[in-house]
Protein backbone atom coordinates (compact mmCIF):
# COMPACT_ATOMS: atom_id res chain seq x y z
CA UNK A 1 70.99 111.59 119.25
CA UNK A 2 72.73 111.60 115.81
CA UNK A 3 71.01 109.42 113.24
CA UNK A 4 72.76 106.16 112.43
CA UNK A 5 71.53 103.54 109.92
CA UNK A 6 74.02 100.62 109.91
CA UNK A 7 72.32 98.88 107.00
CA UNK A 8 73.86 95.43 107.82
CA UNK A 9 77.21 96.72 109.02
CA UNK A 10 79.35 94.14 110.80
CA UNK A 11 80.39 94.54 114.42
CA UNK A 12 81.50 92.30 117.30
CA UNK A 13 79.90 91.17 120.53
CA UNK A 14 83.06 92.11 122.50
CA UNK A 15 85.50 89.32 123.26
CA UNK A 16 88.33 88.14 121.03
CA UNK A 17 90.94 85.40 121.47
CA UNK A 18 93.94 87.72 121.19
CA UNK A 19 96.27 88.45 124.08
CA UNK A 20 98.01 91.55 122.67
CA UNK A 21 95.60 94.52 122.82
CA UNK A 22 97.29 96.39 119.94
CA UNK A 23 97.04 93.30 117.75
CA UNK A 24 93.36 93.01 118.72
CA UNK A 25 92.62 96.60 117.81
CA UNK A 26 94.32 96.15 114.42
CA UNK A 27 92.12 93.07 113.91
CA UNK A 28 89.01 95.10 114.71
CA UNK A 29 90.10 97.81 112.29
CA UNK A 30 90.49 95.21 109.55
CA UNK A 31 87.31 93.21 110.25
CA UNK A 32 84.86 95.87 111.49
CA UNK A 33 85.78 99.09 109.70
CA UNK A 34 82.32 100.61 109.86
CA UNK A 35 81.27 99.84 113.45
CA UNK A 36 84.44 99.07 115.36
CA UNK A 37 84.22 97.83 118.94
CA UNK A 38 86.73 97.74 121.72
CA UNK A 39 88.09 94.19 122.17
CA UNK A 40 87.70 92.38 125.54
CA UNK A 41 90.62 89.98 126.01
CA UNK A 42 89.98 87.42 128.76
CA UNK A 43 92.85 85.29 127.40
CA UNK A 44 95.26 87.81 128.97
CA UNK A 45 94.41 86.48 132.42
CA UNK A 46 91.86 86.60 135.22
CA UNK A 47 92.03 90.35 135.49
CA UNK A 48 90.10 90.62 132.23
CA UNK A 49 87.51 88.00 132.98
CA UNK A 50 83.77 88.56 132.69
CA UNK A 51 83.40 89.61 136.31
CA UNK A 52 86.90 90.67 137.32
CA UNK A 53 87.28 93.12 134.43
CA UNK A 54 84.69 95.52 135.87
CA UNK A 55 84.88 94.60 139.54
CA UNK A 56 88.65 94.56 140.14
CA UNK A 57 88.35 96.34 143.48
CA UNK A 58 85.89 93.71 144.77
CA UNK A 59 88.17 90.69 144.09
CA UNK A 60 89.75 90.79 147.59
CA UNK A 61 86.27 90.14 149.00
CA UNK A 62 85.59 87.15 146.72
CA UNK A 63 86.49 83.48 146.73
CA UNK A 64 86.05 82.03 143.19
CA UNK A 65 84.71 78.59 142.41
CA UNK A 66 87.17 76.21 140.83
CA UNK A 67 85.93 77.13 137.36
CA UNK A 68 85.61 80.93 138.08
CA UNK A 69 81.90 80.86 137.18
CA UNK A 70 80.74 81.98 140.65
CA UNK A 71 82.21 83.91 143.58
CA UNK A 72 81.42 83.62 147.23
CA UNK A 73 81.55 86.94 149.13
CA UNK A 74 83.93 86.21 152.00
CA UNK A 75 82.20 86.38 155.32
CA UNK A 76 79.12 87.65 153.47
CA UNK A 77 80.59 91.12 154.12
CA UNK A 78 78.49 92.90 151.53
CA UNK A 79 78.66 96.37 153.17
CA UNK A 80 82.47 96.41 153.15
CA UNK A 81 82.62 95.31 149.49
CA UNK A 82 80.11 97.91 148.38
CA UNK A 83 81.93 100.62 150.31
CA UNK A 84 85.12 99.66 148.39
CA UNK A 85 83.24 99.81 145.11
CA UNK A 86 81.63 103.20 145.78
CA UNK A 87 85.11 104.64 146.21
CA UNK A 88 86.83 102.62 143.52
CA UNK A 89 88.38 104.39 140.52
CA UNK A 90 87.50 103.40 137.02
CA UNK A 91 89.28 100.14 136.10
CA UNK A 92 92.68 100.77 134.62
CA UNK A 93 94.60 99.35 131.68
CA UNK A 94 95.47 96.09 133.48
CA UNK A 95 91.72 95.27 133.52
CA UNK A 96 90.53 96.92 130.31
CA UNK A 97 93.63 96.85 128.03
CA UNK A 98 91.54 96.55 124.93
CA UNK A 99 89.55 99.66 125.73
CA UNK A 100 92.56 101.88 126.28
CA UNK A 101 94.25 100.49 123.17
CA UNK A 102 91.06 101.16 121.23
CA UNK A 103 90.94 104.75 122.31
CA UNK A 104 94.55 105.20 121.19
CA UNK A 105 93.70 103.53 117.85
CA UNK A 106 90.82 105.93 117.18
CA UNK A 107 93.07 108.89 117.97
CA UNK A 108 95.73 107.49 115.63
CA UNK A 109 93.17 107.31 112.81
CA UNK A 110 92.98 103.52 112.64
CA UNK A 111 89.28 103.59 111.77
CA UNK A 112 88.88 106.03 108.83
CA UNK A 113 85.65 104.33 107.64
CA UNK A 114 83.99 104.24 111.07
CA UNK A 115 80.33 105.36 111.03
CA UNK A 116 79.88 104.56 114.73
CA UNK A 117 81.82 103.09 117.66
CA UNK A 118 80.67 100.36 120.03
CA UNK A 119 81.33 99.69 123.67
CA UNK A 120 80.02 96.97 125.97
CA UNK A 121 80.06 95.84 129.59
CA UNK A 122 79.17 92.77 131.61
CA UNK A 123 75.47 93.11 132.60
CA UNK A 124 74.62 93.75 136.24
CA UNK A 125 72.11 90.93 136.45
CA UNK A 126 74.56 88.35 135.18
CA UNK A 127 77.23 89.70 137.54
CA UNK A 128 74.84 89.42 140.43
CA UNK A 129 74.00 85.86 139.58
CA UNK A 130 77.71 85.05 139.70
CA UNK A 131 78.00 86.47 143.22
CA UNK A 132 77.01 84.21 146.12
CA UNK A 133 75.85 85.47 149.52
CA UNK A 134 74.99 82.76 152.13
CA UNK A 135 74.24 80.19 149.39
CA UNK A 136 72.01 82.51 147.36
CA UNK A 137 72.90 84.44 144.22
CA UNK A 138 73.32 88.18 144.55
CA UNK A 139 70.07 89.16 142.93
CA UNK A 140 68.23 88.28 146.17
CA UNK A 141 70.30 90.69 148.33
CA UNK A 142 68.74 94.13 147.99
CA UNK A 143 71.79 96.18 148.98
CA UNK A 144 74.10 94.22 146.74
CA UNK A 145 71.57 94.38 143.88
CA UNK A 146 71.51 98.22 143.96
CA UNK A 147 75.23 98.50 144.62
CA UNK A 148 76.24 96.45 141.59
CA UNK A 149 73.79 98.30 139.38
CA UNK A 150 75.22 101.63 140.55
CA UNK A 151 78.81 100.48 140.04
CA UNK A 152 78.20 99.17 136.57
CA UNK A 153 76.33 102.38 135.64
CA UNK A 154 79.39 104.39 136.75
CA UNK A 155 81.73 102.48 134.46
CA UNK A 156 79.18 102.50 131.60
CA UNK A 157 78.79 106.21 131.78
CA UNK A 158 82.58 106.68 131.72
CA UNK A 159 82.88 104.37 128.74
CA UNK A 160 80.20 106.22 126.80
CA UNK A 161 81.77 109.62 127.62
CA UNK A 162 85.12 108.40 126.42
CA UNK A 163 83.73 106.99 123.17
CA UNK A 164 81.59 110.11 122.55
CA UNK A 165 84.63 112.37 122.22
CA UNK A 166 85.19 111.19 118.63
CA UNK A 167 82.03 112.77 117.26
CA UNK A 168 80.53 109.44 116.04
CA UNK A 169 77.30 107.75 117.16
CA UNK A 170 77.95 105.47 120.14
CA UNK A 171 76.44 102.02 120.51
CA UNK A 172 76.67 100.53 124.01
CA UNK A 173 75.63 97.01 124.91
CA UNK A 174 74.96 95.17 128.18
CA UNK A 175 76.06 91.53 128.02
CA UNK A 176 73.37 89.60 129.93
CA UNK A 177 73.77 85.84 129.16
CA UNK A 178 72.30 84.76 132.49
CA UNK A 179 69.10 86.88 132.34
CA UNK A 180 67.34 84.15 130.36
CA UNK A 181 67.70 81.72 133.34
CA UNK A 182 66.26 84.00 136.03
CA UNK A 183 63.20 82.55 137.76
CA UNK A 184 61.95 85.93 139.05
CA UNK A 185 62.69 88.24 136.14
CA UNK A 186 60.22 91.09 136.52
CA UNK A 187 62.19 93.16 139.11
CA UNK A 188 65.34 92.71 137.00
CA UNK A 189 63.61 93.75 133.78
CA UNK A 190 62.23 96.88 135.39
CA UNK A 191 65.64 97.83 136.87
CA UNK A 192 67.44 97.12 133.58
CA UNK A 193 64.92 99.35 131.80
CA UNK A 194 65.69 102.17 134.24
CA UNK A 195 69.42 101.55 133.87
CA UNK A 196 69.31 101.78 130.08
CA UNK A 197 67.09 104.84 130.18
CA UNK A 198 69.62 106.64 132.39
CA UNK A 199 72.47 105.77 130.00
CA UNK A 200 70.36 106.86 127.04
CA UNK A 201 70.51 110.41 128.47
CA UNK A 202 74.15 110.46 127.37
CA UNK A 203 73.00 110.55 123.70
CA UNK A 204 74.04 106.91 123.02
CA UNK A 205 72.16 103.93 121.66
CA UNK A 206 71.82 101.46 124.46
CA UNK A 207 71.31 97.78 123.68
CA UNK A 208 71.58 94.30 125.14
CA UNK A 209 73.17 91.04 124.13
CA UNK A 210 72.05 87.61 125.23
CA UNK A 211 73.33 84.48 123.54
CA UNK A 212 70.72 82.47 125.49
CA UNK A 213 67.22 83.10 124.13
CA UNK A 214 64.97 85.23 126.32
CA UNK A 215 61.17 85.25 126.10
CA UNK A 216 60.51 87.81 123.32
CA UNK A 217 57.91 89.64 125.30
CA UNK A 218 60.68 90.80 127.60
CA UNK A 219 61.87 93.11 124.86
CA UNK A 220 58.71 95.21 125.36
CA UNK A 221 59.63 95.66 129.00
CA UNK A 222 63.35 96.18 128.56
CA UNK A 223 62.95 98.47 125.54
CA UNK A 224 66.56 98.49 124.41
CA UNK A 225 67.48 100.47 121.31
CA UNK A 226 68.94 97.27 119.87
CA UNK A 227 68.89 93.64 120.81
CA UNK A 228 71.71 91.24 119.95
CA UNK A 229 70.91 87.54 119.85
CA UNK A 230 71.79 84.16 118.42
CA UNK A 231 69.93 84.54 115.13
CA UNK A 232 71.61 81.40 113.71
CA UNK A 233 69.39 79.36 115.99
CA UNK A 234 66.73 81.87 116.92
CA UNK A 235 65.80 83.74 113.74
CA UNK A 236 62.71 81.65 113.03
CA UNK A 237 61.39 82.15 116.54
CA UNK A 238 62.22 85.90 116.49
CA UNK A 239 60.72 86.47 113.08
CA UNK A 240 57.42 84.74 114.02
CA UNK A 241 57.09 86.41 117.40
CA UNK A 242 54.35 89.03 117.71
CA UNK A 243 56.25 90.65 120.60
CA UNK A 244 59.55 90.74 118.68
CA UNK A 245 57.84 92.39 115.73
CA UNK A 246 56.17 94.91 117.99
CA UNK A 247 59.65 95.71 119.34
CA UNK A 248 60.88 96.28 115.74
CA UNK A 249 57.79 98.25 114.75
CA UNK A 250 58.34 100.53 117.74
CA UNK A 251 61.78 101.46 116.47
CA UNK A 252 63.93 98.75 118.05
CA UNK A 253 66.81 97.29 116.05
CA UNK A 254 68.14 93.78 115.62
CA UNK A 255 71.79 92.86 115.93
CA UNK A 256 71.68 89.50 114.13
CA UNK A 257 74.14 86.87 115.34
CA UNK A 258 74.14 84.79 112.16
CA UNK A 259 77.67 83.28 112.30
CA UNK A 260 78.03 80.47 114.86
CA UNK A 261 81.16 80.38 116.95
CA UNK A 262 82.65 77.23 115.56
CA UNK A 263 85.71 76.32 113.51
CA UNK A 264 84.11 74.86 110.39
CA UNK A 265 81.98 77.62 108.96
CA UNK A 266 81.62 75.88 105.59
CA UNK A 267 79.05 73.59 107.22
CA UNK A 268 76.73 76.12 108.75
CA UNK A 269 74.57 76.90 105.75
CA UNK A 270 75.19 80.64 105.66
CA UNK A 271 73.54 81.03 102.23
CA UNK A 272 70.36 79.47 103.64
CA UNK A 273 70.49 81.94 106.48
CA UNK A 274 70.71 84.83 104.06
CA UNK A 275 67.74 83.53 102.07
CA UNK A 276 65.67 83.11 105.20
CA UNK A 277 66.57 86.63 106.39
CA UNK A 278 65.84 88.14 103.00
CA UNK A 279 62.39 86.53 102.89
CA UNK A 280 61.54 87.76 106.37
CA UNK A 281 62.70 91.34 105.62
CA UNK A 282 60.78 91.52 102.34
CA UNK A 283 57.58 90.29 104.05
CA UNK A 284 57.91 92.67 107.01
CA UNK A 285 55.56 95.69 107.21
CA UNK A 286 58.51 97.77 108.39
CA UNK A 287 60.97 96.31 105.93
CA UNK A 288 62.75 99.60 105.31
CA UNK A 289 63.44 100.15 109.02
CA UNK A 290 64.53 96.54 109.43
CA UNK A 291 66.95 96.76 106.54
CA UNK A 292 68.37 100.09 107.51
CA UNK A 293 68.81 99.42 111.22
CA UNK A 294 70.16 95.82 111.40
CA UNK A 295 73.70 94.84 112.24
CA UNK A 296 75.45 91.50 111.60
CA UNK A 297 77.63 89.67 114.14
CA UNK A 298 78.73 86.30 115.34
CA UNK A 299 76.34 84.50 117.64
CA UNK A 300 78.47 85.28 120.68
CA UNK A 301 81.87 86.49 121.82
CA UNK A 302 84.88 84.83 120.27
CA UNK A 303 87.26 84.55 123.28
CA UNK A 304 87.26 80.77 123.16
CA UNK A 305 88.10 80.54 119.50
CA UNK A 306 91.52 81.11 117.82
CA UNK A 307 92.62 84.23 115.98
CA UNK A 308 92.32 82.33 112.72
CA UNK A 309 88.83 81.09 113.50
CA UNK A 310 87.83 84.60 114.63
CA UNK A 311 89.02 86.01 111.29
CA UNK A 312 87.00 83.38 109.42
CA UNK A 313 83.95 84.34 111.53
CA UNK A 314 84.23 88.01 110.63
CA UNK A 315 84.86 87.15 106.98
CA UNK A 316 81.66 85.11 106.95
CA UNK A 317 79.78 87.99 108.61
CA UNK A 318 81.13 90.38 105.95
CA UNK A 319 80.02 88.07 103.18
CA UNK A 320 76.51 88.01 104.67
CA UNK A 321 76.55 91.82 104.98
CA UNK A 322 77.67 92.28 101.38
CA UNK A 323 75.06 89.84 100.11
CA UNK A 324 72.23 91.52 101.98
CA UNK A 325 73.36 94.94 100.74
CA UNK A 326 73.28 93.58 97.19
CA UNK A 327 69.79 92.23 97.68
CA UNK A 328 68.52 95.51 99.29
CA UNK A 329 70.43 98.15 97.41
CA UNK A 330 67.95 101.01 98.12
CA UNK A 331 67.97 100.57 101.89
């Protein structure tokens, strides 16, 4: 795996409010020149939603709730749906328009300062919790559990292979916002660890994002290469956690979501966040690793914001990055 020290580079969680994929890729090139990511664009329609983007061939088997937050498997016909997914092609441009536009952008030379590229996918546990089988979420159905993991691994592998062709380090993140709410987490943590280890064989750095705070001891079971979280609210808890610090001491990296997803960023005390982060890094026994390996992001995806608010968010993240680099010039 090629060495990569982001040193407070700015990147994105994944989603943006844009509807034109070429505009979104240009935005990423402007706002995240060092670690560009492919933009997920749910504002284009249901085909690019959290679940439908990566399970388009399953949609004919699903009846969505009124708010599209859960999906009932019609007739509980799990075998038929899984058979369709096993034979399904990789999602096309109608589902992943930002990904295909991003690949074209890299080939055009839109990212001359890129030091790494980032991909992401909806996490299998969260997808399973969105699926309903006879009144229960999909994590309790063994065949569905394995089938969704296998399907998401197939698309993840393809993404990583596509991103690897550019000769840059690849960061790849599972988006697992619902993992924190699971009442029987151990089997999921074990399976996610296996899942990430299999992807790691592709010479990529495999991480996880959760905007909802997980128990920090889970990091020692999951063992991601990097963990992305809402540091605006959770930095104090993370920095004081013995388990989180063991994760960092063992070589794990933090993707620090320091910029909240809200319109008025002048009220969020970003300077106070920088001071707090600086004090923690300076006091940490592995301060050099922490400084070299950390990334800066918003707290979560930006699909529900506006293009103007998204720009302000990335500008704030860039200011934080520049300030931290000024305070730790040797890292």
